[in-house]
Amino acid sequence: MTSRHTRHRLKRGDALKLWYDVTLETVRSELPDLNARQMSLMLTVYIQSGPHTVRSLAAHLDVTKAVITRALDTLGRHGFVKRAPDPSDKRSIIVERTARGSNYLIGFAETIRGVTREMDAAA
């Protein structure tokens, strides 16, 4: 049984070409150019179930809380995430999704899909 996630078995070169083409499209777009750490953090917030705290995100990504804070500063400036006090623990901060962040990731997913379609058409 194959799932929609394992249907395509990419060769190494094809995988790198996909990553290159998607990265190139994002660099050329007018949208913010996120680094890998910022994108990993953002995807964690949007894909993994929450609530997400700085501490939980640092543990999940295996980085320091300071690294998470710097990435959240950037994502917050772009309006992709927002921080709010944890109602159950005022010392803790909850990281929340935003509509702008959701729209950014929808566009990013469409970029991936478009590049994949181009690769399929060229094959």
N, C-alpha and C. Protein backbone atom coordinates (compact mmCIF):
# COMPACT_ATOMS: atom_id res chain seq x y z
N MET A 1 0.84 -1.18 0.00
CA MET A 1 0.00 0.00 0.00
C MET A 1 0.89 1.24 0.00
N THR A 2 0.64 2.15 -0.92
CA THR A 2 1.42 3.39 -0.95
C THR A 2 0.53 4.55 -0.55
N SER A 3 1.10 5.42 0.24
CA SER A 3 0.37 6.63 0.60
C SER A 3 0.73 7.72 -0.37
N ARG A 4 0.01 8.81 -0.32
CA ARG A 4 0.31 9.93 -1.21
C ARG A 4 1.66 10.54 -0.89
N HIS A 5 2.20 10.27 0.31
CA HIS A 5 3.49 10.82 0.70
C HIS A 5 4.66 9.97 0.22
N THR A 6 4.42 8.73 -0.12
CA THR A 6 5.52 7.85 -0.53
C THR A 6 5.40 7.42 -1.98
N ARG A 7 4.47 7.98 -2.70
CA ARG A 7 4.24 7.59 -4.08
C ARG A 7 5.46 7.90 -4.95
N HIS A 8 6.09 9.03 -4.73
CA HIS A 8 7.24 9.44 -5.53
C HIS A 8 8.52 9.06 -4.81
N ARG A 9 9.31 8.26 -5.47
CA ARG A 9 10.63 7.89 -4.95
C ARG A 9 11.64 8.69 -5.76
N LEU A 10 12.17 9.75 -5.18
CA LEU A 10 13.10 10.61 -5.90
C LEU A 10 14.51 10.06 -5.83
N LYS A 11 15.20 10.18 -6.93
CA LYS A 11 16.63 9.92 -6.94
C LYS A 11 17.30 11.09 -6.24
N ARG A 12 18.54 10.89 -5.78
CA ARG A 12 19.25 11.95 -5.07
C ARG A 12 19.29 13.24 -5.88
N GLY A 13 19.68 13.12 -7.13
CA GLY A 13 19.77 14.31 -7.98
C GLY A 13 18.44 15.02 -8.14
N ASP A 14 17.37 14.24 -8.29
CA ASP A 14 16.03 14.82 -8.42
C ASP A 14 15.60 15.51 -7.14
N ALA A 15 15.93 14.90 -6.00
CA ALA A 15 15.58 15.50 -4.71
C ALA A 15 16.29 16.83 -4.53
N LEU A 16 17.57 16.87 -4.89
CA LEU A 16 18.32 18.12 -4.77
C LEU A 16 17.80 19.17 -5.76
N LYS A 17 17.44 18.72 -6.96
CA LYS A 17 16.88 19.65 -7.96
C LYS A 17 15.56 20.23 -7.48
N LEU A 18 14.72 19.39 -6.87
CA LEU A 18 13.46 19.87 -6.31
C LEU A 18 13.73 20.93 -5.25
N TRP A 19 14.63 20.62 -4.33
CA TRP A 19 14.95 21.57 -3.25
C TRP A 19 15.51 22.86 -3.84
N TYR A 20 16.40 22.73 -4.80
CA TYR A 20 16.98 23.91 -5.46
C TYR A 20 15.90 24.76 -6.12
N ASP A 21 15.05 24.13 -6.92
CA ASP A 21 14.03 24.88 -7.65
C ASP A 21 13.05 25.57 -6.70
N VAL A 22 12.64 24.89 -5.64
CA VAL A 22 11.72 25.50 -4.67
C VAL A 22 12.43 26.67 -3.97
N THR A 23 13.66 26.46 -3.55
CA THR A 23 14.41 27.52 -2.89
C THR A 23 14.61 28.71 -3.81
N LEU A 24 14.94 28.44 -5.07
CA LEU A 24 15.12 29.51 -6.04
C LEU A 24 13.83 30.31 -6.22
N GLU A 25 12.72 29.62 -6.32
CA GLU A 25 11.42 30.31 -6.47
C GLU A 25 11.14 31.21 -5.26
N THR A 26 11.45 30.73 -4.07
CA THR A 26 11.17 31.54 -2.87
C THR A 26 12.11 32.74 -2.80
N VAL A 27 13.36 32.57 -3.22
CA VAL A 27 14.31 33.69 -3.22
C VAL A 27 13.88 34.75 -4.23
N ARG A 28 13.36 34.31 -5.36
CA ARG A 28 12.95 35.24 -6.41
C ARG A 28 11.62 35.94 -6.11
N SER A 29 10.84 35.37 -5.23
CA SER A 29 9.52 35.95 -4.94
C SER A 29 9.69 37.19 -4.06
N GLU A 30 8.62 37.93 -3.95
CA GLU A 30 8.63 39.12 -3.10
C GLU A 30 8.33 38.77 -1.65
N LEU A 31 8.06 37.51 -1.39
CA LEU A 31 7.76 37.09 -0.02
C LEU A 31 9.04 37.01 0.80
N PRO A 32 8.92 37.07 2.12
CA PRO A 32 10.11 36.97 2.96
C PRO A 32 10.86 35.66 2.71
N ASP A 33 12.17 35.76 2.72
CA ASP A 33 13.07 34.63 2.49
C ASP A 33 13.48 34.09 3.86
N LEU A 34 12.86 33.01 4.28
CA LEU A 34 13.15 32.42 5.59
C LEU A 34 14.32 31.46 5.50
N ASN A 35 15.15 31.44 6.54
CA ASN A 35 16.23 30.45 6.56
C ASN A 35 15.66 29.11 7.03
N ALA A 36 16.48 28.09 6.97
CA ALA A 36 16.02 26.73 7.28
C ALA A 36 15.51 26.63 8.72
N ARG A 37 16.18 27.26 9.65
CA ARG A 37 15.76 27.20 11.05
C ARG A 37 14.40 27.88 11.24
N GLN A 38 14.23 29.04 10.63
CA GLN A 38 12.96 29.75 10.74
C GLN A 38 11.83 28.95 10.10
N MET A 39 12.10 28.36 8.94
CA MET A 39 11.08 27.56 8.26
C MET A 39 10.74 26.31 9.07
N SER A 40 11.75 25.67 9.64
CA SER A 40 11.49 24.48 10.47
C SER A 40 10.63 24.83 11.67
N LEU A 41 10.93 25.95 12.28
CA LEU A 41 10.14 26.39 13.43
C LEU A 41 8.71 26.70 13.00
N MET A 42 8.58 27.43 11.92
CA MET A 42 7.23 27.78 11.45
C MET A 42 6.43 26.54 11.09
N LEU A 43 7.03 25.61 10.37
CA LEU A 43 6.33 24.38 10.01
C LEU A 43 5.96 23.58 11.25
N THR A 44 6.80 23.57 12.24
CA THR A 44 6.48 22.86 13.49
C THR A 44 5.23 23.46 14.12
N VAL A 45 5.17 24.79 14.17
CA VAL A 45 4.01 25.47 14.78
C VAL A 45 2.74 25.16 13.98
N TYR A 46 2.85 25.12 12.66
CA TYR A 46 1.66 24.95 11.82
C TYR A 46 1.26 23.49 11.60
N ILE A 47 2.22 22.58 11.64
CA ILE A 47 1.90 21.18 11.33
C ILE A 47 1.69 20.34 12.59
N GLN A 48 2.51 20.56 13.60
CA GLN A 48 2.40 19.78 14.84
C GLN A 48 1.30 20.36 15.72
N SER A 49 0.60 19.49 16.41
CA SER A 49 -0.45 20.00 17.30
C SER A 49 0.19 20.73 18.48
N GLY A 50 -0.48 21.74 18.95
CA GLY A 50 0.03 22.58 20.05
C GLY A 50 -0.66 22.26 21.34
N PRO A 51 -0.55 23.09 22.31
CA PRO A 51 0.07 24.41 22.25
C PRO A 51 1.59 24.32 22.19
N HIS A 52 2.18 25.37 21.62
CA HIS A 52 3.63 25.42 21.48
C HIS A 52 4.18 26.51 22.39
N THR A 53 5.18 26.15 23.15
CA THR A 53 5.89 27.12 23.97
C THR A 53 7.32 27.22 23.46
N VAL A 54 8.01 28.27 23.89
CA VAL A 54 9.42 28.40 23.51
C VAL A 54 10.18 27.16 23.97
N ARG A 55 9.90 26.73 25.18
CA ARG A 55 10.59 25.55 25.74
C ARG A 55 10.28 24.29 24.92
N SER A 56 9.02 24.07 24.58
CA SER A 56 8.67 22.85 23.83
C SER A 56 9.24 22.88 22.42
N LEU A 57 9.27 24.06 21.80
CA LEU A 57 9.83 24.18 20.46
C LEU A 57 11.34 23.95 20.48
N ALA A 58 12.01 24.48 21.49
CA ALA A 58 13.45 24.28 21.62
C ALA A 58 13.75 22.79 21.80
N ALA A 59 12.96 22.12 22.61
CA ALA A 59 13.17 20.68 22.81
C ALA A 59 12.91 19.90 21.53
N HIS A 60 11.84 20.25 20.83
CA HIS A 60 11.49 19.53 19.60
C HIS A 60 12.56 19.70 18.53
N LEU A 61 13.07 20.91 18.36
CA LEU A 61 14.07 21.18 17.32
C LEU A 61 15.50 20.94 17.81
N ASP A 62 15.64 20.63 19.09
CA ASP A 62 16.95 20.35 19.69
C ASP A 62 17.90 21.53 19.54
N VAL A 63 17.38 22.71 19.89
CA VAL A 63 18.17 23.94 19.90
C VAL A 63 17.89 24.66 21.22
N THR A 64 18.60 25.74 21.46
CA THR A 64 18.39 26.48 22.71
C THR A 64 17.15 27.37 22.62
N LYS A 65 16.68 27.80 23.76
CA LYS A 65 15.55 28.73 23.79
C LYS A 65 15.92 30.05 23.13
N ALA A 66 17.19 30.46 23.25
CA ALA A 66 17.64 31.70 22.61
C ALA A 66 17.51 31.61 21.09
N VAL A 67 17.83 30.45 20.53
CA VAL A 67 17.70 30.24 19.08
C VAL A 67 16.23 30.37 18.68
N ILE A 68 15.35 29.78 19.46
CA ILE A 68 13.91 29.87 19.17
C ILE A 68 13.44 31.31 19.26
N THR A 69 13.89 32.02 20.28
CA THR A 69 13.48 33.41 20.47
C THR A 69 13.90 34.27 19.28
N ARG A 70 15.12 34.09 18.80
CA ARG A 70 15.58 34.87 17.63
C ARG A 70 14.74 34.55 16.40
N ALA A 71 14.46 33.27 16.18
CA ALA A 71 13.65 32.89 15.02
C ALA A 71 12.22 33.43 15.16
N LEU A 72 11.68 33.37 16.37
CA LEU A 72 10.33 33.90 16.60
C LEU A 72 10.29 35.41 16.39
N ASP A 73 11.37 36.10 16.75
CA ASP A 73 11.43 37.54 16.50
C ASP A 73 11.25 37.83 15.01
N THR A 74 11.96 37.09 14.18
CA THR A 74 11.87 37.27 12.73
C THR A 74 10.48 36.89 12.23
N LEU A 75 9.99 35.73 12.62
CA LEU A 75 8.66 35.29 12.17
C LEU A 75 7.58 36.25 12.64
N GLY A 76 7.73 36.78 13.84
CA GLY A 76 6.77 37.75 14.36
C GLY A 76 6.79 39.05 13.57
N ARG A 77 7.98 39.53 13.19
CA ARG A 77 8.08 40.75 12.38
C ARG A 77 7.37 40.59 11.04
N HIS A 78 7.38 39.38 10.51
CA HIS A 78 6.68 39.12 9.25
C HIS A 78 5.19 38.86 9.46
N GLY A 79 4.77 38.74 10.70
CA GLY A 79 3.36 38.47 10.99
C GLY A 79 2.97 37.01 10.83
N PHE A 80 3.97 36.10 10.82
CA PHE A 80 3.70 34.69 10.58
C PHE A 80 3.32 33.93 11.85
N VAL A 81 3.72 34.42 12.99
CA VAL A 81 3.35 33.84 14.28
C VAL A 81 3.14 35.00 15.25
N LYS A 82 2.45 34.70 16.34
CA LYS A 82 2.35 35.69 17.41
C LYS A 82 2.58 34.98 18.73
N ARG A 83 3.00 35.75 19.69
CA ARG A 83 3.25 35.21 21.03
C ARG A 83 2.22 35.77 21.99
N ALA A 84 1.83 34.91 22.91
CA ALA A 84 0.86 35.32 23.93
C ALA A 84 1.24 34.64 25.24
N PRO A 85 0.89 35.28 26.36
CA PRO A 85 1.17 34.63 27.64
C PRO A 85 0.36 33.35 27.78
N ASP A 86 0.96 32.35 28.37
CA ASP A 86 0.27 31.10 28.66
C ASP A 86 -0.68 31.35 29.83
N PRO A 87 -1.98 31.18 29.63
CA PRO A 87 -2.93 31.47 30.71
C PRO A 87 -2.72 30.59 31.94
N SER A 88 -2.15 29.40 31.74
CA SER A 88 -1.95 28.50 32.88
C SER A 88 -0.60 28.72 33.57
N ASP A 89 0.32 29.44 32.91
CA ASP A 89 1.64 29.70 33.49
C ASP A 89 2.14 31.02 32.92
N LYS A 90 1.96 32.10 33.65
CA LYS A 90 2.28 33.44 33.16
C LYS A 90 3.75 33.62 32.82
N ARG A 91 4.62 32.72 33.28
CA ARG A 91 6.05 32.81 32.96
C ARG A 91 6.34 32.24 31.58
N SER A 92 5.40 31.51 31.03
CA SER A 92 5.59 30.83 29.75
C SER A 92 4.87 31.59 28.64
N ILE A 93 5.40 31.46 27.44
CA ILE A 93 4.83 32.11 26.25
C ILE A 93 4.32 31.04 25.29
N ILE A 94 3.10 31.24 24.81
CA ILE A 94 2.51 30.36 23.81
C ILE A 94 2.76 30.98 22.43
N VAL A 95 3.16 30.16 21.49
CA VAL A 95 3.36 30.60 20.11
C VAL A 95 2.14 30.19 19.31
N GLU A 96 1.53 31.16 18.64
CA GLU A 96 0.28 30.92 17.93
C GLU A 96 0.43 31.19 16.44
N ARG A 97 -0.40 30.53 15.66
CA ARG A 97 -0.46 30.73 14.21
C ARG A 97 -1.18 32.04 13.90
N THR A 98 -0.95 32.53 12.68
CA THR A 98 -1.68 33.70 12.20
C THR A 98 -2.21 33.42 10.79
N ALA A 99 -3.16 34.21 10.36
CA ALA A 99 -3.68 34.07 9.00
C ALA A 99 -2.59 34.36 7.98
N ARG A 100 -1.77 35.34 8.25
CA ARG A 100 -0.67 35.68 7.32
C ARG A 100 0.31 34.51 7.20
N GLY A 101 0.62 33.87 8.31
CA GLY A 101 1.51 32.70 8.27
C GLY A 101 0.89 31.55 7.51
N SER A 102 -0.40 31.33 7.73
CA SER A 102 -1.10 30.27 7.00
C SER A 102 -1.07 30.54 5.50
N ASN A 103 -1.31 31.77 5.11
CA ASN A 103 -1.29 32.13 3.69
C ASN A 103 0.11 31.97 3.09
N TYR A 104 1.13 32.30 3.85
CA TYR A 104 2.50 32.13 3.38
C TYR A 104 2.77 30.65 3.10
N LEU A 105 2.38 29.78 4.03
CA LEU A 105 2.63 28.35 3.86
C LEU A 105 1.78 27.74 2.74
N ILE A 106 0.59 28.25 2.54
CA ILE A 106 -0.23 27.81 1.40
C ILE A 106 0.50 28.14 0.10
N GLY A 107 1.03 29.34 0.01
CA GLY A 107 1.79 29.73 -1.17
C GLY A 107 3.05 28.90 -1.34
N PHE A 108 3.72 28.61 -0.23
CA PHE A 108 4.93 27.79 -0.28
C PHE A 108 4.60 26.38 -0.77
N ALA A 109 3.51 25.83 -0.26
CA ALA A 109 3.08 24.50 -0.71
C ALA A 109 2.74 24.50 -2.20
N GLU A 110 2.12 25.56 -2.66
CA GLU A 110 1.79 25.66 -4.09
C GLU A 110 3.05 25.78 -4.94
N THR A 111 4.07 26.44 -4.41
CA THR A 111 5.36 26.50 -5.11
C THR A 111 5.94 25.10 -5.25
N ILE A 112 5.91 24.33 -4.19
CA ILE A 112 6.41 22.95 -4.23
C ILE A 112 5.61 22.15 -5.25
N ARG A 113 4.30 22.28 -5.21
CA ARG A 113 3.46 21.54 -6.14
C ARG A 113 3.76 21.92 -7.59
N GLY A 114 3.95 23.22 -7.84
CA GLY A 114 4.25 23.68 -9.20
C GLY A 114 5.58 23.14 -9.70
N VAL A 115 6.59 23.16 -8.85
CA VAL A 115 7.91 22.64 -9.24
C VAL A 115 7.81 21.14 -9.49
N THR A 116 7.05 20.45 -8.67
CA THR A 116 6.88 19.00 -8.83
C THR A 116 6.18 18.69 -10.15
N ARG A 117 5.16 19.47 -10.48
CA ARG A 117 4.47 19.28 -11.77
C ARG A 117 5.42 19.49 -12.94
N GLU A 118 6.27 20.51 -12.84
CA GLU A 118 7.24 20.78 -13.91
C GLU A 118 8.23 19.61 -14.04
N MET A 119 8.66 19.07 -12.90
CA MET A 119 9.58 17.93 -12.94
C MET A 119 8.90 16.72 -13.57
N ASP A 120 7.62 16.49 -13.21
CA ASP A 120 6.89 15.36 -13.78
C ASP A 120 6.70 15.52 -15.29
N ALA A 121 6.42 16.76 -15.73
CA ALA A 121 6.23 17.02 -17.15
C ALA A 121 7.51 16.83 -17.95
N ALA A 122 8.64 17.12 -17.31
CA ALA A 122 9.94 17.00 -17.98
C ALA A 122 10.42 15.56 -18.03
N ALA A 123 9.85 14.71 -17.18
CA ALA A 123 10.31 13.30 -17.11
C ALA A 123 9.78 12.47 -18.25
